[in-house]
Amino acid sequence: MPDFHSERHRAPRSRVGAIGSYALLILLALLFIAPIAFMFVASLKPDELVLSQAGTIQGFIPIPASTQNYQDVFDRVNFGQFFINSLLITSSIVLMGLLVNSMAGYAFARLRWRGRNLLLLVVLALMIIPFEAIAVPLFFQVTLWGWRNTYLAQILPFIANAFSIYLFYTFFIGLPKELEEAARIDGASILRTFFEIIVPVSKPVFATVTILTFLTQWGSFLWPLMVTIDEKVRPLPVAIASFQTLPPIQWGDIMSFGVMMVAPILIVFLAFQKWFVEGVASTGTKG
């Protein structure tokens, strides 16, 4: 016979636990959002108020508000050129990386060929090697080929990515083989099967790789700093580092620069968040 008395006691406890969990999540969300919110509000304020109101509630209140700081950024530096550089470099790496890394991941997951397991171990080993360990040899190689201060030097070394290949591999290996068997019976080639059958059902992993790659490359600083000389090919992270030291130091202008640099990341994440969450959930389920 069910114990209705104990069930009545459990119900309030479960509600209290749920309220506590939501309160904790909201607090954590506010902690992560606070720096971005402060930066956005500070970008609308006069320079003298940015530091004086930092660390106070007033620092999060956009009063008085003005877009003058944004205009100052465009007047002081060639922000449009920096933005186009970052957009071109990052978009090229993301798009070409999706093609190359997804096909490599599919080859590891579905095709059988000599040396596959050994090469997969090499890919896994490459994941633990930090970029700083190969930056100097890569710099000398780029210089030797005459690629320094070009878009090519900032794009080509980052198209193939071991971590992206591994993400595609783990996703593709969990797909039912019946999808490909049906296509094979119809006489579809491997490439046709990949592009017409596998890619349409793999939106979560493509979204995940897109967000992670975009986030990494949009904020890349060390390599562009090493290979760029002038602002014709210089991306935003290197440009904002120089802008911070450009006299006179105006913190409102710096915050405006930061907002315009962060905005594309937020837009990309919001555009792909549905499939990104699905990709993380499916990966967790498979693991």
Foldseek 3Di string as FASTA:
>chain_A
DDDVVVVVVVVVVVVVVVVVVVVVVVVVVCVVCVVVLLLVLLLFDFLVVSVVCPPHPVSNPNPPGHNVLVVVLVVPDVVVLQAVLLCVQLVLLLVLLLVVLLVLLCCLQPNDDPCSVVVLVVLVVVVPDDPVVCLVVLLVVCVVVVNFQHSCSSHVVRNHHSVLSVLSNLVNNPDDCVQVVVVVVVVDDPVCSCVVGVVVVLLLSSLQSSLVSSVPSLQDDDNLVSRHDDSNNRHLNPVLVVVCPPPPRRSSSSSSSVSVSCVVSVVSCVVSVVSPVVSVVVSVVVD
